[in-house]
Amino acid sequence: MRVFVTGGTGHSGSFIIPELIAAGHEVTGLARSDAAAAALTALGATVRRGDLEELDGLQEAAADSDGVVHVAHRQDLLPTGGMSAVAAAELPIMHAYGAALTGTGKPLVVAGSIGSPGSLGRPVVEEDPALPSGDEHKGTLRARNVVERAVIDLAERGVRSSVVRIANIVHDTTDNAGFFPSLIALAKEKGFVGHPGDGTNLWNAVHVRDLASLFRLALERGPAGSFWHAVEDGGIPFREIAEAIGSRLDLPVVSIPVDELMMPGYFGFLANIATQSYPASNLITRRTLGWEPSQPGLLADLDNGHYFPTVTSPAHDDVATLEKFVRGGEGALAMVDENAVWREAESLPWGGEWRGPDGFARLTREIDALAELTARGHEIVRAGDVVELRLDAVFTSRKSRRQLPMKVVEHYRVQDGKIYGADAFYQDTQAVNDLVKND
């Protein structure tokens, strides 16, 4: 087939494209930048320049193809509009695909969430529909269900549409921005590994290579109007995940009370997700498509050398690099890698992920518009596989001029003189919110 792929340079997409090419398919990938175009070319794909806002271009690309794989989303909208904004931008894309593919019988395979059917008190199966979403779900993961439901509805219009529900954790040696690296970063920042309550709530996982093979199978042979479950580990108690992290970091494992104060205090923007249970079956997926996961499961994959590396760059070099970056100056922004990811707590007005030098510049402008941030002092130390910046900061409200002293810890990913992003942790996120939102 001639397959059009969006999100081809992301974590999942960069494995889906080689999987399709190895099976004999011709792949065209969407690229909005020169860097993305170069990455797609390196993967063996033909490049189509454009972005997710160009609906006419997406419709044309879909019409020119024999099938579409969509794993992209407007991540740039998360900091300001949350998942509701992402879904609102993605829904017209599905309509554009529908306009191009109606009556053709061609396949459309779209990435979905294993949590879309909600909590059923039993393992979710492929026949469970995505729950409806309304105004009361704005800002939650359920807001995107409208996209999954639109994809499935296209089956009634002669499109061989399906949704691959992806596990909570997609793991491998290139996983830098998923849930699992976030849990590791939290443990390092807090000095212990937390799990919600008794930790019996179930999470699931899939290796990215097995995920890629499932997208290929769904494209090649999936019946119209189907959900597929990209889960290998159908249910791992959260406590076991926490214990696995703790044993490798030599940190204690602690139960976090499930209440509105303690959970956000440890998990931050992950609090609502961490408390949920996501048991799921992949039986129908395996029987219908012949999908057989062959890669290591999550707990077996933890010693792949990526999540807990035994060898790191020389500490003094990385510390010196971050010190130079913190001092600023004309060359500071040039030190930021184009694929760097900056993560801030979702609850903050500037929360979410910011990517590359431009993203970092926009993040600093967003913060500066609401509050003046003054560093009274700082310390930079090596902390495992990250470089830790400890700030003794003061936030001053632009509106009221009220000041708020605040300890801030930022975990930087630094290597060979380049900055690859950071995760920010505030001593009291709610206090910062109160200052910038209410003053």
Protein backbone atom coordinates (compact mmCIF):
# COMPACT_ATOMS: atom_id res chain seq x y z
CA MET A 1 0.00 0.00 0.00
CA ARG A 2 0.87 3.67 -0.32
CA VAL A 3 0.42 4.79 3.30
CA PHE A 4 0.17 8.34 4.61
CA VAL A 5 1.47 8.68 8.20
CA THR A 6 1.19 11.60 10.61
CA GLY A 7 3.30 11.78 13.76
CA GLY A 8 6.03 9.79 12.05
CA THR A 9 8.89 11.42 13.95
CA GLY A 10 7.36 10.83 17.39
CA HIS A 11 8.11 7.96 19.75
CA SER A 12 5.57 5.56 18.23
CA GLY A 13 5.64 6.88 14.69
CA SER A 14 9.40 6.47 14.33
CA PHE A 15 8.88 2.70 14.80
CA ILE A 16 5.65 2.43 12.80
CA ILE A 17 7.26 3.77 9.62
CA PRO A 18 10.13 1.22 9.51
CA GLU A 19 7.63 -1.55 10.36
CA LEU A 20 5.47 -0.57 7.36
CA ILE A 21 8.42 -0.23 5.00
CA ALA A 22 9.83 -3.61 6.04
CA ALA A 23 6.46 -5.15 5.12
CA GLY A 24 6.69 -3.70 1.60
CA HIS A 25 4.54 -0.60 1.99
CA GLU A 26 5.45 2.82 0.56
CA VAL A 27 5.21 5.48 3.27
CA THR A 28 4.72 9.22 2.98
CA GLY A 29 5.14 11.15 6.22
CA LEU A 30 3.90 14.60 7.19
CA ALA A 31 6.65 17.06 8.16
CA ARG A 32 6.27 20.67 9.23
CA SER A 33 9.99 21.44 9.69
CA ASP A 34 13.29 20.74 7.98
CA ALA A 35 14.37 18.63 10.97
CA ALA A 36 11.22 16.50 10.76
CA ALA A 37 11.69 16.11 7.02
CA ALA A 38 15.27 14.92 7.53
CA ALA A 39 14.13 12.45 10.20
CA LEU A 40 11.44 11.02 7.93
CA THR A 41 13.91 10.67 5.08
CA ALA A 42 16.30 8.82 7.38
CA LEU A 43 13.48 6.41 8.25
CA GLY A 44 12.95 5.69 4.55
CA ALA A 45 9.73 7.66 4.03
CA THR A 46 8.79 10.15 1.35
CA VAL A 47 8.22 13.62 2.80
CA ARG A 48 5.06 15.67 2.44
CA ARG A 49 5.47 19.17 3.87
CA GLY A 50 2.58 20.57 5.90
CA ASP A 51 1.04 20.50 9.36
CA LEU A 52 -2.09 19.41 11.18
CA GLU A 53 -3.79 22.78 10.66
CA GLU A 54 -3.82 22.39 6.87
CA LEU A 55 -7.00 20.35 6.52
CA ASP A 56 -7.15 20.58 2.72
CA GLY A 57 -3.60 19.22 2.52
CA LEU A 58 -4.43 16.34 4.87
CA GLN A 59 -7.54 15.48 2.86
CA GLU A 60 -5.52 15.51 -0.35
CA ALA A 61 -2.80 13.31 1.17
CA ALA A 62 -5.40 10.83 2.39
CA ALA A 63 -7.10 10.73 -1.02
CA ASP A 64 -3.75 10.07 -2.73
CA SER A 65 -2.96 7.15 -0.43
CA ASP A 66 -4.18 3.58 -0.08
CA GLY A 67 -4.44 3.98 3.69
CA VAL A 68 -3.78 6.40 6.56
CA VAL A 69 -2.10 5.96 9.95
CA HIS A 70 -2.68 8.91 12.29
CA VAL A 71 -0.61 9.08 15.49
CA ALA A 72 -0.09 12.85 15.67
CA HIS A 73 -1.83 15.43 17.82
CA ARG A 74 -1.54 19.15 18.52
CA GLN A 75 0.70 18.89 21.57
CA ASP A 76 1.33 22.64 21.40
CA LEU A 77 -2.26 23.20 22.55
CA LEU A 78 -1.89 21.30 25.83
CA PRO A 79 -0.34 24.15 27.86
CA THR A 80 -3.18 26.56 27.13
CA GLY A 81 -6.24 24.46 26.34
CA GLY A 82 -5.55 21.00 27.72
CA MET A 83 -6.95 17.83 26.18
CA SER A 84 -10.18 19.59 25.19
CA ALA A 85 -8.26 21.88 22.85
CA VAL A 86 -6.29 18.96 21.43
CA ALA A 87 -9.52 17.05 20.72
CA ALA A 88 -11.19 20.11 19.19
CA ALA A 89 -8.27 20.49 16.78
CA GLU A 90 -8.13 16.77 15.95
CA LEU A 91 -11.83 16.26 15.21
CA PRO A 92 -11.77 18.30 11.95
CA ILE A 93 -8.80 16.19 10.85
CA MET A 94 -10.94 13.06 11.16
CA HIS A 95 -13.65 14.79 9.15
CA ALA A 96 -11.08 15.62 6.46
CA TYR A 97 -9.96 12.00 6.32
CA GLY A 98 -13.61 10.96 6.11
CA ALA A 99 -14.23 13.27 3.18
CA ALA A 100 -11.29 11.74 1.35
CA LEU A 101 -11.94 8.09 2.17
CA THR A 102 -15.75 7.77 2.22
CA GLY A 103 -16.92 4.86 0.07
CA THR A 104 -13.40 3.68 -0.76
CA GLY A 105 -13.02 0.87 1.78
CA LYS A 106 -9.52 2.18 2.44
CA PRO A 107 -8.09 1.80 5.97
CA LEU A 108 -7.76 4.60 8.52
CA VAL A 109 -5.95 3.64 11.74
CA VAL A 110 -5.88 6.19 14.55
CA ALA A 111 -4.13 6.17 17.94
CA GLY A 112 -6.44 6.01 20.96
CA SER A 113 -6.29 5.50 24.72
CA ILE A 114 -6.77 2.29 26.68
CA GLY A 115 -8.73 4.37 29.18
CA SER A 116 -11.41 5.54 26.75
CA PRO A 117 -14.05 2.96 27.87
CA GLY A 118 -13.71 4.15 31.48
CA SER A 119 -13.65 2.05 34.63
CA LEU A 120 -15.87 -1.02 34.18
CA GLY A 121 -14.89 -3.06 37.22
CA ARG A 122 -13.38 -5.70 34.90
CA PRO A 123 -10.74 -5.83 32.18
CA VAL A 124 -11.68 -3.67 29.22
CA VAL A 125 -12.23 -5.62 26.00
CA GLU A 126 -12.09 -4.46 22.41
CA GLU A 127 -15.88 -4.51 22.08
CA ASP A 128 -16.29 -1.88 24.81
CA PRO A 129 -17.01 1.49 23.14
CA ALA A 130 -15.36 4.78 24.00
CA LEU A 131 -17.55 6.64 26.48
CA PRO A 132 -19.31 9.79 25.28
CA SER A 133 -17.69 13.05 26.35
CA GLY A 134 -19.40 16.32 27.17
CA ASP A 135 -18.75 19.73 28.69
CA GLU A 136 -18.27 18.16 32.11
CA HIS A 137 -15.22 16.30 30.77
CA LYS A 138 -13.36 19.35 29.50
CA GLY A 139 -9.70 19.22 30.43
CA THR A 140 -9.74 15.46 31.11
CA LEU A 141 -8.44 12.60 28.99
CA ARG A 142 -12.05 11.60 28.28
CA ALA A 143 -12.45 14.79 26.23
CA ARG A 144 -10.58 13.10 23.39
CA ASN A 145 -13.11 10.26 23.19
CA VAL A 146 -15.02 12.36 20.68
CA VAL A 147 -12.16 11.71 18.24
CA GLU A 148 -12.22 7.93 18.74
CA ARG A 149 -16.00 7.83 18.32
CA ALA A 150 -15.76 9.88 15.11
CA VAL A 151 -13.21 7.44 13.69
CA ILE A 152 -15.40 4.42 14.45
CA ASP A 153 -18.45 6.19 12.94
CA LEU A 154 -16.61 6.47 9.62
CA ALA A 155 -17.07 2.71 9.20
CA GLU A 156 -20.72 3.42 8.35
CA ARG A 157 -19.51 5.62 5.47
CA GLY A 158 -17.42 2.94 3.78
CA VAL A 159 -14.10 3.63 5.51
CA ARG A 160 -12.19 0.69 7.02
CA SER A 161 -11.57 2.71 10.16
CA SER A 162 -10.19 1.46 13.46
CA VAL A 163 -8.63 2.74 16.67
CA VAL A 164 -5.56 1.28 18.37
CA ARG A 165 -5.98 1.82 22.10
CA ILE A 166 -2.47 2.33 23.44
CA ALA A 167 -1.30 1.17 26.87
CA ASN A 168 -0.44 3.62 29.66
CA ILE A 169 3.26 2.91 29.26
CA VAL A 170 4.99 2.51 25.90
CA HIS A 171 8.52 1.39 26.70
CA ASP A 172 11.87 0.85 25.00
CA THR A 173 15.32 2.43 24.88
CA THR A 174 14.04 5.63 23.21
CA ASP A 175 11.28 6.41 25.73
CA ASN A 176 12.17 9.87 27.03
CA ALA A 177 8.84 11.61 27.54
CA GLY A 178 6.33 8.94 28.54
CA PHE A 179 4.71 8.12 31.87
CA PHE A 180 7.53 5.84 33.04
CA PRO A 181 10.36 8.42 32.77
CA SER A 182 8.04 10.82 34.64
CA LEU A 183 7.61 8.31 37.48
CA ILE A 184 11.38 7.85 37.69
CA ALA A 185 11.93 11.62 37.74
CA LEU A 186 9.36 12.01 40.52
CA ALA A 187 11.10 9.38 42.64
CA LYS A 188 14.47 11.07 42.24
CA GLU A 189 13.03 14.47 43.06
CA LYS A 190 11.11 13.29 46.14
CA GLY A 191 13.74 10.88 47.46
CA PHE A 192 11.25 7.99 47.59
CA VAL A 193 8.92 6.11 45.25
CA GLY A 194 5.21 6.61 45.83
CA HIS A 195 2.21 4.52 44.88
CA PRO A 196 -1.46 5.48 45.42
CA GLY A 197 -3.05 3.84 48.45
CA ASP A 198 -2.33 0.12 48.60
CA GLY A 199 -1.01 0.21 45.02
CA THR A 200 -3.35 -2.50 43.75
CA ASN A 201 -4.69 -0.35 40.91
CA LEU A 202 -3.59 -1.85 37.60
CA TRP A 203 -1.58 -0.23 34.83
CA ASN A 204 -0.65 -1.79 31.52
CA ALA A 205 2.25 -1.52 29.10
CA VAL A 206 3.44 -2.35 25.60
CA HIS A 207 6.84 -2.36 23.92
CA VAL A 208 6.98 0.20 21.13
CA ARG A 209 8.05 -2.41 18.55
CA ASP A 210 5.02 -4.56 19.34
CA LEU A 211 2.86 -1.43 19.13
CA ALA A 212 4.24 -0.71 15.67
CA SER A 213 3.45 -4.23 14.46
CA LEU A 214 -0.14 -3.87 15.68
CA PHE A 215 -0.62 -0.66 13.70
CA ARG A 216 0.63 -2.49 10.60
CA LEU A 217 -1.73 -5.43 11.15
CA ALA A 218 -4.70 -3.12 11.76
CA LEU A 219 -3.88 -1.31 8.52
CA GLU A 220 -3.51 -4.49 6.51
CA ARG A 221 -6.38 -6.64 7.79
CA GLY A 222 -8.43 -4.91 10.48
CA PRO A 223 -12.23 -4.96 9.94
CA ALA A 224 -14.03 -1.62 9.83
CA GLY A 225 -15.29 -0.05 13.04
CA SER A 226 -12.93 -1.93 15.36
CA PHE A 227 -10.96 -1.13 18.49
CA TRP A 228 -7.61 -2.89 19.03
CA HIS A 229 -5.74 -3.21 22.30
CA ALA A 230 -2.02 -2.50 22.26
CA VAL A 231 -1.34 -4.00 25.69
CA GLU A 232 1.12 -6.75 26.59
CA ASP A 233 0.98 -6.55 30.36
CA GLY A 234 -2.79 -6.48 30.81
CA GLY A 235 -2.59 -5.37 34.39
CA ILE A 236 0.46 -4.67 36.57
CA PRO A 237 -0.24 -3.50 40.15
CA PHE A 238 1.09 0.04 40.51
CA ARG A 239 2.86 -1.08 43.67
CA GLU A 240 4.98 -3.54 41.64
CA ILE A 241 5.98 -0.76 39.25
CA ALA A 242 6.95 1.44 42.22
CA GLU A 243 8.91 -1.40 43.83
CA ALA A 244 10.79 -2.03 40.57
CA ILE A 245 11.79 1.64 40.41
CA GLY A 246 12.73 1.72 44.09
CA SER A 247 14.97 -1.33 43.88
CA ARG A 248 16.93 0.13 40.98
CA LEU A 249 17.28 3.61 42.49
CA ASP A 250 17.85 2.24 45.99
CA LEU A 251 14.95 4.34 47.28
CA PRO A 252 12.18 3.46 49.76
CA VAL A 253 8.69 2.71 48.46
CA VAL A 254 5.90 4.63 50.22
CA SER A 255 2.09 4.53 50.07
CA ILE A 256 0.57 7.92 49.21
CA PRO A 257 -2.87 8.49 50.78
CA VAL A 258 -5.51 8.86 48.10
CA ASP A 259 -6.85 12.30 48.96
CA GLU A 260 -6.99 15.67 47.23
CA LEU A 261 -3.96 17.02 49.07
CA MET A 262 -1.50 14.14 49.31
CA MET A 263 -1.88 12.75 45.78
CA PRO A 264 -1.13 16.03 43.92
CA GLY A 265 1.60 16.71 46.47
CA TYR A 266 3.54 13.72 45.17
CA PHE A 267 2.25 13.00 41.66
CA GLY A 268 1.49 16.57 40.55
CA PHE A 269 -0.30 16.66 37.19
CA LEU A 270 -0.21 12.84 37.09
CA ALA A 271 -2.37 12.52 40.22
CA ASN A 272 -5.69 11.84 38.47
CA ILE A 273 -4.11 9.30 36.14
CA ALA A 274 -2.02 7.54 38.79
CA THR A 275 -5.05 6.65 40.93
CA GLN A 276 -7.00 4.99 38.10
CA SER A 277 -7.03 1.29 37.28
CA TYR A 278 -6.71 0.24 33.63
CA PRO A 279 -7.05 -3.56 33.37
CA ALA A 280 -7.39 -4.60 29.74
CA SER A 281 -7.52 -7.73 27.59
CA ASN A 282 -5.88 -8.17 24.18
CA LEU A 283 -7.55 -11.50 23.35
CA ILE A 284 -9.74 -10.25 20.48
CA THR A 285 -6.82 -8.30 19.02
CA ARG A 286 -4.60 -11.39 19.00
CA ARG A 287 -7.27 -13.73 17.64
CA THR A 288 -8.52 -11.40 14.92
CA LEU A 289 -5.27 -9.88 13.69
CA GLY A 290 -2.78 -12.59 14.67
CA TRP A 291 -0.85 -10.09 16.79
CA GLU A 292 1.63 -11.76 19.11
CA PRO A 293 3.76 -9.44 21.26
CA SER A 294 7.35 -10.68 21.12
CA GLN A 295 9.34 -7.99 22.92
CA PRO A 296 10.18 -7.90 26.65
CA GLY A 297 7.42 -6.87 29.05
CA LEU A 298 7.77 -3.71 31.10
CA LEU A 299 9.38 -5.16 34.23
CA ALA A 300 11.81 -7.23 32.16
CA ASP A 301 12.69 -4.19 30.04
CA LEU A 302 13.72 -1.99 32.97
CA ASP A 303 17.30 -3.19 32.77
CA ASN A 304 17.76 -2.23 29.11
CA GLY A 305 20.32 0.41 30.13
CA HIS A 306 18.07 3.31 29.18
CA TYR A 307 15.83 3.92 32.18
CA PHE A 308 18.56 3.25 34.75
CA PRO A 309 21.88 3.77 32.95
CA THR A 310 25.02 2.54 34.64
CA VAL A 311 27.28 4.86 32.68
CA THR A 312 26.67 8.58 32.42
CA SER A 313 28.50 11.50 30.93
CA PRO A 314 31.26 13.00 33.10
CA ALA A 315 29.50 14.85 35.91
CA HIS A 316 31.68 17.93 35.84
CA ASP A 317 31.08 18.45 32.10
CA ASP A 318 27.28 18.30 32.37
CA VAL A 319 27.21 20.44 35.50
CA ALA A 320 29.39 23.02 33.78
CA THR A 321 27.12 22.95 30.73
CA LEU A 322 24.03 23.66 32.83
CA GLU A 323 25.85 26.39 34.77
CA LYS A 324 26.67 28.09 31.47
CA PHE A 325 23.05 27.74 30.33
CA VAL A 326 21.69 29.17 33.60
CA ARG A 327 23.99 32.19 33.36
CA GLY A 328 22.26 32.99 30.07
CA GLY A 329 23.69 35.28 27.46
CA GLU A 330 23.47 35.28 23.70
CA GLY A 331 24.56 31.67 23.24
CA ALA A 332 22.28 30.10 25.84
CA LEU A 333 19.34 29.34 23.54
CA ALA A 334 21.69 27.77 21.00
CA MET A 335 22.58 25.16 23.63
CA VAL A 336 19.01 23.80 23.55
CA ASP A 337 18.51 20.79 21.30
CA GLU A 338 15.69 21.07 18.75
CA ASN A 339 13.97 18.03 20.27
CA ALA A 340 14.34 19.16 23.89
CA VAL A 341 11.22 18.74 26.04
CA TRP A 342 10.37 21.05 28.96
CA ARG A 343 7.68 19.75 31.30
CA GLU A 344 5.69 21.82 33.80
CA ALA A 345 2.83 20.72 36.07
CA GLU A 346 -0.45 20.67 34.11
CA SER A 347 -2.23 22.58 36.87
CA LEU A 348 -0.11 25.69 36.26
CA PRO A 349 -1.20 28.29 33.69
CA TRP A 350 1.97 27.47 31.77
CA GLY A 351 1.68 23.71 32.41
CA GLY A 352 2.32 20.98 29.88
CA GLU A 353 5.13 20.22 27.46
CA TRP A 354 7.18 22.78 25.55
CA ARG A 355 9.51 21.63 22.79
CA GLY A 356 12.79 22.92 21.42
CA PRO A 357 14.41 26.34 21.72
CA ASP A 358 11.24 28.11 20.58
CA GLY A 359 9.18 26.21 23.15
CA PHE A 360 11.59 27.19 25.93
CA ALA A 361 11.44 30.83 24.86
CA ARG A 362 7.64 30.76 24.80
CA LEU A 363 7.54 29.08 28.22
CA THR A 364 9.68 31.79 29.79
CA ARG A 365 7.47 34.46 28.21
CA GLU A 366 4.33 32.77 29.56
CA ILE A 367 5.75 32.73 33.08
CA ASP A 368 7.07 36.29 32.82
CA ALA A 369 3.68 37.60 31.72
CA LEU A 370 2.15 36.48 35.03
CA ALA A 371 4.97 36.72 37.51
CA GLU A 372 8.48 38.03 37.85
CA LEU A 373 10.79 35.16 38.79
CA THR A 374 13.87 36.12 40.77
CA ALA A 375 16.53 33.62 41.83
CA ARG A 376 18.07 34.51 45.18
CA GLY A 377 20.52 31.67 44.75
CA HIS A 378 21.00 28.34 43.06
CA GLU A 379 22.91 25.07 43.27
CA ILE A 380 23.64 22.58 40.49
CA VAL A 381 24.41 18.96 41.31
CA ARG A 382 24.48 15.60 39.55
CA ALA A 383 21.44 13.49 40.52
CA GLY A 384 21.65 10.09 38.87
CA ASP A 385 21.13 10.44 35.13
CA VAL A 386 19.95 14.06 35.35
CA VAL A 387 21.57 17.32 36.41
CA GLU A 388 19.57 19.00 39.16
CA LEU A 389 19.13 22.76 39.43
CA ARG A 390 17.97 23.81 42.89
CA LEU A 391 16.55 27.31 42.91
CA ASP A 392 15.85 29.54 45.89
CA ALA A 393 13.30 31.64 44.02
CA VAL A 394 10.79 34.41 44.58
CA PHE A 395 7.68 34.82 42.43
CA THR A 396 6.27 38.36 42.30
CA SER A 397 2.74 38.72 40.93
CA ARG A 398 2.61 41.14 37.98
CA LYS A 399 -0.89 42.13 39.06
CA SER A 400 -0.75 42.54 42.83
CA ARG A 401 3.05 42.64 43.32
CA ARG A 402 2.65 40.10 46.14
CA GLN A 403 5.77 38.01 46.61
CA LEU A 404 5.99 34.27 47.16
CA PRO A 405 9.28 32.61 48.18
CA MET A 406 9.48 29.18 46.55
CA LYS A 407 11.93 26.30 46.35
CA VAL A 408 12.08 25.00 42.78
CA VAL A 409 13.90 21.89 41.58
CA GLU A 410 14.49 21.31 37.87
CA HIS A 411 15.83 18.04 36.49
CA TYR A 412 17.82 18.74 33.32
CA ARG A 413 18.79 16.25 30.67
CA VAL A 414 22.27 17.29 29.60
CA GLN A 415 24.76 15.57 27.32
CA ASP A 416 27.77 16.60 25.27
CA GLY A 417 27.24 20.30 25.82
CA LYS A 418 23.56 20.30 24.82
CA ILE A 419 20.38 20.80 26.86
CA TYR A 420 17.68 18.22 26.11
CA GLY A 421 14.98 19.69 28.33
CA ALA A 422 13.96 19.63 31.98
CA ASP A 423 11.17 18.68 34.38
CA ALA A 424 10.22 21.38 36.91
CA PHE A 425 9.01 20.64 40.44
CA TYR A 426 7.68 23.31 42.82
CA GLN A 427 7.66 23.10 46.60
CA ASP A 428 4.01 24.18 46.58
CA THR A 429 2.39 24.19 43.14
CA GLN A 430 -0.96 25.30 44.55
CA ALA A 431 0.60 28.38 46.16
CA VAL A 432 2.09 29.38 42.82
CA ASN A 433 -1.31 28.87 41.19
CA ASP A 434 -2.99 31.03 43.82
CA LEU A 435 -0.47 33.80 43.26
CA VAL A 436 -0.70 33.99 39.47
CA LYS A 437 -4.39 33.18 39.06
CA ASN A 438 -6.06 34.97 41.96
CA ASP A 439 -3.91 37.98 42.81
